[in-house]
Amino acid sequence: MQNKSSILIALAVVLAAGVSPVVAAEKAKELTGRDIVFERSKGNCLACHGIPGDPEAESPGNAALPFVAMKGRFPDRAKLRAQIWDATAANPNTLMPPFGKHQILTEHEVDLVTDYVQGL
């Protein structure tokens, strides 16, 4: 009975906050590296990079190299992560935003993106 009361209280708090339980559950879902790469308010990598072979990568940009054979291009994960964290360290004139340095992405999100991109 106490467990049922706890659930009802939690539901009441969520509803009082004006957030539906479905929306609250969706927000609690952790983003994947792929989610961040595709998310316009986060990584937005598709604005500049194409991902050939992924039919959901619609309207990719061509301002940067496509994500192809990334493990071969960046066999050292640390170098790829550094590029995502702050591309201006290697090239001050780059168009790529310093995602970590400017806190566009968190440390964890940079790690997720690094793992996803390196697997392409």
Protein backbone atom coordinates (compact mmCIF):
# COMPACT_ATOMS: atom_id res chain seq x y z
CA MET A 1 0.00 0.00 0.00
CA GLN A 2 2.86 2.38 0.79
CA ASN A 3 4.37 1.74 -2.67
CA LYS A 4 1.06 2.61 -4.32
CA SER A 5 0.92 5.86 -2.31
CA SER A 6 4.44 6.76 -3.40
CA ILE A 7 3.52 6.22 -7.05
CA LEU A 8 0.39 8.35 -6.70
CA ILE A 9 2.34 11.15 -5.01
CA ALA A 10 5.00 11.08 -7.74
CA LEU A 11 2.30 11.17 -10.43
CA ALA A 12 0.60 14.11 -8.70
CA VAL A 13 3.89 16.03 -8.59
CA VAL A 14 4.52 15.41 -12.30
CA LEU A 15 0.99 16.46 -13.24
CA ALA A 16 1.14 19.53 -11.00
CA ALA A 17 4.32 20.58 -12.78
CA GLY A 18 2.40 20.54 -16.06
CA VAL A 19 4.40 17.71 -17.58
CA SER A 20 2.66 14.61 -18.82
CA PRO A 21 4.06 11.28 -17.63
CA VAL A 22 4.82 10.35 -21.25
CA VAL A 23 6.85 13.52 -21.83
CA ALA A 24 8.64 13.04 -18.50
CA ALA A 25 9.57 9.47 -19.49
CA GLU A 26 10.82 10.61 -22.92
CA LYS A 27 13.00 13.31 -21.34
CA ALA A 28 14.44 10.73 -18.97
CA LYS A 29 15.57 8.60 -21.94
CA GLU A 30 19.29 9.01 -22.36
CA LEU A 31 20.44 10.27 -25.72
CA THR A 32 22.75 8.12 -27.80
CA GLY A 33 25.71 9.37 -29.79
CA ARG A 34 23.61 9.01 -32.92
CA ASP A 35 20.79 11.03 -31.36
CA ILE A 36 23.21 13.86 -30.58
CA VAL A 37 24.77 13.78 -34.08
CA PHE A 38 21.30 14.09 -35.62
CA GLU A 39 19.84 16.55 -33.07
CA ARG A 40 19.80 20.11 -34.39
CA SER A 41 19.84 21.63 -30.93
CA LYS A 42 22.88 19.57 -29.88
CA GLY A 43 25.52 18.24 -32.25
CA ASN A 44 23.83 19.12 -35.52
CA CYS A 45 26.65 17.30 -37.30
CA LEU A 46 24.49 16.80 -40.40
CA ALA A 47 24.63 20.52 -41.07
CA CYS A 48 28.17 19.98 -42.36
CA HIS A 49 28.84 16.23 -42.57
CA GLY A 50 27.13 13.57 -44.63
CA ILE A 51 26.62 10.03 -43.40
CA PRO A 52 26.44 7.89 -46.55
CA GLY A 53 24.51 4.70 -46.10
CA ASP A 54 22.16 6.06 -43.43
CA PRO A 55 18.80 6.77 -45.07
CA GLU A 56 17.74 8.90 -42.10
CA ALA A 57 20.64 11.31 -42.68
CA GLU A 58 18.51 13.57 -44.84
CA SER A 59 19.81 16.77 -46.41
CA PRO A 60 23.35 16.53 -45.10
CA GLY A 61 25.70 19.41 -45.61
CA ASN A 62 28.90 19.21 -47.61
CA ALA A 63 30.99 21.85 -45.80
CA ALA A 64 33.05 19.09 -44.19
CA LEU A 65 34.17 15.57 -45.00
CA PRO A 66 31.51 12.87 -44.76
CA PHE A 67 31.60 10.40 -41.89
CA VAL A 68 33.13 7.51 -43.84
CA ALA A 69 35.79 5.05 -42.67
CA MET A 70 36.21 7.06 -39.49
CA LYS A 71 38.13 4.35 -37.63
CA GLY A 72 40.70 4.44 -40.44
CA ARG A 73 40.88 8.24 -40.45
CA PHE A 74 41.00 8.44 -36.65
CA PRO A 75 42.45 5.18 -35.33
CA ASP A 76 43.29 7.00 -32.09
CA ARG A 77 40.00 7.67 -30.32
CA ALA A 78 41.63 10.42 -28.23
CA LYS A 79 42.48 12.43 -31.37
CA LEU A 80 38.91 12.19 -32.66
CA ARG A 81 37.57 13.21 -29.25
CA ALA A 82 39.97 16.16 -29.16
CA GLN A 83 38.73 17.23 -32.60
CA ILE A 84 35.12 17.14 -31.42
CA TRP A 85 35.99 18.83 -28.11
CA ASP A 86 37.88 21.73 -29.71
CA ALA A 87 38.62 21.63 -33.43
CA THR A 88 40.15 25.10 -33.18
CA ALA A 89 43.14 23.65 -31.31
CA ALA A 90 44.29 21.89 -34.50
CA ASN A 91 42.98 24.51 -36.93
CA PRO A 92 42.13 28.00 -35.63
CA ASN A 93 40.30 28.76 -38.91
CA THR A 94 37.98 25.76 -38.79
CA LEU A 95 34.24 26.17 -39.20
CA MET A 96 33.62 23.38 -36.70
CA PRO A 97 32.39 24.66 -33.35
CA PRO A 98 34.41 23.69 -30.26
CA PHE A 99 31.59 21.53 -28.86
CA GLY A 100 33.22 20.75 -25.53
CA LYS A 101 35.23 23.89 -24.97
CA HIS A 102 32.14 26.08 -25.44
CA GLN A 103 29.92 23.67 -23.49
CA ILE A 104 27.64 22.96 -26.42
CA LEU A 105 27.98 19.32 -25.42
CA THR A 106 28.80 17.85 -22.03
CA GLU A 107 31.83 15.61 -21.46
CA HIS A 108 29.53 12.60 -21.58
CA GLU A 109 27.86 13.74 -24.79
CA VAL A 110 31.26 14.30 -26.44
CA ASP A 111 32.18 10.73 -25.47
CA LEU A 112 28.93 9.39 -26.93
CA VAL A 113 29.43 11.30 -30.19
CA THR A 114 33.07 10.18 -30.40
CA ASP A 115 32.10 6.52 -30.02
CA TYR A 116 29.32 6.82 -32.60
CA VAL A 117 31.36 8.73 -35.20
CA GLN A 118 34.39 6.50 -34.84
CA GLY A 119 32.16 3.51 -35.56
CA LEU A 120 31.04 4.91 -38.92
